[in-house]
Amino acid sequence: MNIIAWLVLGAIAGYLAGFLVRGDEGLGVIGHIVLGIVGALVGGFLAGLLFNTNPISGPLDLGSIVTATIGAILVVVVVNAVTGRSRTGRGAI
């Protein structure tokens, strides 16, 4: 059941990453949600490696949201770098 919660959290994180990373409007909302799901899983995996915990089996709290959002931002930035999209829009990142 925790994997399903992380998938939902990843969808929310991908939607947030769409607002935080500008210049990649070509992905659309669905693209950001899919990348957010991947980013949440990547962020959870990296947090598990860095902090020696299992974040996927833990509760969904503010730390989980931040972890998933950071993972989603990383995945969106990497996808933009690989596909050659530039971040020319205005925004924080």
C-alpha atoms as a PDB file:
ATOM      1  CA  MET A   1       0.000   0.000   0.000  1.00  0.00           C
ATOM      2  CA  ASN A   2       2.920   2.368   0.621  1.00  0.00           C
ATOM      3  CA  ILE A   3       4.021   2.136  -3.022  1.00  0.00           C
ATOM      4  CA  ILE A   4       0.596   3.408  -4.104  1.00  0.00           C
ATOM      5  CA  ALA A   5       0.913   6.311  -1.670  1.00  0.00           C
ATOM      6  CA  TRP A   6       4.345   7.157  -3.120  1.00  0.00           C
ATOM      7  CA  LEU A   7       2.883   7.046  -6.639  1.00  0.00           C
ATOM      8  CA  VAL A   8       0.173   9.518  -5.644  1.00  0.00           C
ATOM      9  CA  LEU A   9       2.754  11.638  -3.860  1.00  0.00           C
ATOM     10  CA  GLY A  10       4.923  11.484  -6.980  1.00  0.00           C
ATOM     11  CA  ALA A  11       2.049  12.757  -9.094  1.00  0.00           C
ATOM     12  CA  ILE A  12       1.643  15.712  -6.746  1.00  0.00           C
ATOM     13  CA  ALA A  13       5.405  16.310  -6.695  1.00  0.00           C
ATOM     14  CA  GLY A  14       5.543  16.236 -10.491  1.00  0.00           C
ATOM     15  CA  TYR A  15       2.783  18.792 -10.663  1.00  0.00           C
ATOM     16  CA  LEU A  16       4.737  21.000  -8.229  1.00  0.00           C
ATOM     17  CA  ALA A  17       7.932  20.480 -10.232  1.00  0.00           C
ATOM     18  CA  GLY A  18       6.093  21.797 -13.270  1.00  0.00           C
ATOM     19  CA  PHE A  19       5.635  25.092 -11.461  1.00  0.00           C
ATOM     20  CA  LEU A  20       9.166  25.240 -10.085  1.00  0.00           C
ATOM     21  CA  VAL A  21      11.107  24.364 -13.250  1.00  0.00           C
ATOM     22  CA  ARG A  22      10.346  26.854 -15.985  1.00  0.00           C
ATOM     23  CA  GLY A  23      11.195  26.601 -19.656  1.00  0.00           C
ATOM     24  CA  ASP A  24       9.890  23.059 -20.075  1.00  0.00           C
ATOM     25  CA  GLU A  25       6.260  23.739 -20.860  1.00  0.00           C
ATOM     26  CA  GLY A  26       6.440  21.253 -23.740  1.00  0.00           C
ATOM     27  CA  LEU A  27       6.064  18.365 -21.300  1.00  0.00           C
ATOM     28  CA  GLY A  28       2.565  19.334 -20.213  1.00  0.00           C
ATOM     29  CA  VAL A  29       0.786  18.385 -17.038  1.00  0.00           C
ATOM     30  CA  ILE A  30       0.690  14.652 -17.783  1.00  0.00           C
ATOM     31  CA  GLY A  31       4.411  14.629 -18.605  1.00  0.00           C
ATOM     32  CA  HIS A  32       5.219  16.328 -15.322  1.00  0.00           C
ATOM     33  CA  ILE A  33       3.041  13.913 -13.389  1.00  0.00           C
ATOM     34  CA  VAL A  34       4.790  10.921 -14.973  1.00  0.00           C
ATOM     35  CA  LEU A  35       8.211  12.451 -14.332  1.00  0.00           C
ATOM     36  CA  GLY A  36       7.090  13.275 -10.795  1.00  0.00           C
ATOM     37  CA  ILE A  37       6.230   9.638 -10.142  1.00  0.00           C
ATOM     38  CA  VAL A  38       9.645   8.606 -11.402  1.00  0.00           C
ATOM     39  CA  GLY A  39      11.219  11.449  -9.422  1.00  0.00           C
ATOM     40  CA  ALA A  40       9.478  10.412  -6.211  1.00  0.00           C
ATOM     41  CA  LEU A  41      10.800   6.899  -6.559  1.00  0.00           C
ATOM     42  CA  VAL A  42      14.282   8.199  -7.415  1.00  0.00           C
ATOM     43  CA  GLY A  43      14.171  10.707  -4.551  1.00  0.00           C
ATOM     44  CA  GLY A  44      13.021   8.023  -2.122  1.00  0.00           C
ATOM     45  CA  PHE A  45      15.783   5.701  -3.299  1.00  0.00           C
ATOM     46  CA  LEU A  46      18.452   8.406  -2.970  1.00  0.00           C
ATOM     47  CA  ALA A  47      17.160   9.445   0.465  1.00  0.00           C
ATOM     48  CA  GLY A  48      17.336   5.809   1.517  1.00  0.00           C
ATOM     49  CA  LEU A  49      20.943   5.610   0.396  1.00  0.00           C
ATOM     50  CA  LEU A  50      21.995   8.923   1.930  1.00  0.00           C
ATOM     51  CA  PHE A  51      20.211   8.595   5.269  1.00  0.00           C
ATOM     52  CA  ASN A  52      20.278   4.784   5.604  1.00  0.00           C
ATOM     53  CA  THR A  53      16.496   4.546   5.966  1.00  0.00           C
ATOM     54  CA  ASN A  54      13.619   3.072   4.015  1.00  0.00           C
ATOM     55  CA  PRO A  55      11.487   6.130   3.170  1.00  0.00           C
ATOM     56  CA  ILE A  56       8.984   4.163   1.088  1.00  0.00           C
ATOM     57  CA  SER A  57       7.828   2.161   4.107  1.00  0.00           C
ATOM     58  CA  GLY A  58       7.573   5.232   6.322  1.00  0.00           C
ATOM     59  CA  PRO A  59       4.704   7.650   6.793  1.00  0.00           C
ATOM     60  CA  LEU A  60       3.881  10.297   4.237  1.00  0.00           C
ATOM     61  CA  ASP A  61       4.796  13.542   5.940  1.00  0.00           C
ATOM     62  CA  LEU A  62       6.413  16.852   5.037  1.00  0.00           C
ATOM     63  CA  GLY A  63       9.799  15.183   4.625  1.00  0.00           C
ATOM     64  CA  SER A  64       8.327  12.739   2.125  1.00  0.00           C
ATOM     65  CA  ILE A  65       6.763  15.560   0.141  1.00  0.00           C
ATOM     66  CA  VAL A  66      10.059  17.464   0.057  1.00  0.00           C
ATOM     67  CA  THR A  67      11.969  14.306  -0.920  1.00  0.00           C
ATOM     68  CA  ALA A  68       9.540  13.526  -3.732  1.00  0.00           C
ATOM     69  CA  THR A  69       9.531  17.122  -4.995  1.00  0.00           C
ATOM     70  CA  ILE A  70      13.337  17.321  -5.040  1.00  0.00           C
ATOM     71  CA  GLY A  71      13.478  13.994  -6.860  1.00  0.00           C
ATOM     72  CA  ALA A  72      10.901  15.224  -9.379  1.00  0.00           C
ATOM     73  CA  ILE A  73      12.834  18.448  -9.974  1.00  0.00           C
ATOM     74  CA  LEU A  74      16.033  16.472 -10.529  1.00  0.00           C
ATOM     75  CA  VAL A  75      14.336  14.155 -13.018  1.00  0.00           C
ATOM     76  CA  VAL A  76      12.730  17.066 -14.917  1.00  0.00           C
ATOM     77  CA  VAL A  77      16.053  18.937 -15.130  1.00  0.00           C
ATOM     78  CA  VAL A  78      17.870  15.781 -16.308  1.00  0.00           C
ATOM     79  CA  VAL A  79      15.197  15.062 -18.931  1.00  0.00           C
ATOM     80  CA  ASN A  80      15.423  18.658 -20.154  1.00  0.00           C
ATOM     81  CA  ALA A  81      19.222  18.383 -20.383  1.00  0.00           C
ATOM     82  CA  VAL A  82      19.044  15.094 -22.274  1.00  0.00           C
ATOM     83  CA  THR A  83      16.371  16.257 -24.711  1.00  0.00           C
ATOM     84  CA  GLY A  84      18.104  19.581 -25.285  1.00  0.00           C
ATOM     85  CA  ARG A  85      15.409  21.839 -23.901  1.00  0.00           C
ATOM     86  CA  SER A  86      16.693  25.037 -22.353  1.00  0.00           C
ATOM     87  CA  ARG A  87      15.371  26.714 -19.261  1.00  0.00           C
ATOM     88  CA  THR A  88      14.792  30.143 -20.781  1.00  0.00           C
ATOM     89  CA  GLY A  89      11.554  30.925 -18.985  1.00  0.00           C
ATOM     90  CA  ARG A  90      11.349  32.805 -15.779  1.00  0.00           C
ATOM     91  CA  GLY A  91      11.394  30.869 -12.560  1.00  0.00           C
ATOM     92  CA  ALA A  92      13.471  29.791  -9.625  1.00  0.00           C
ATOM     93  CA  ILE A  93      15.406  27.004 -11.312  1.00  0.00           C
END
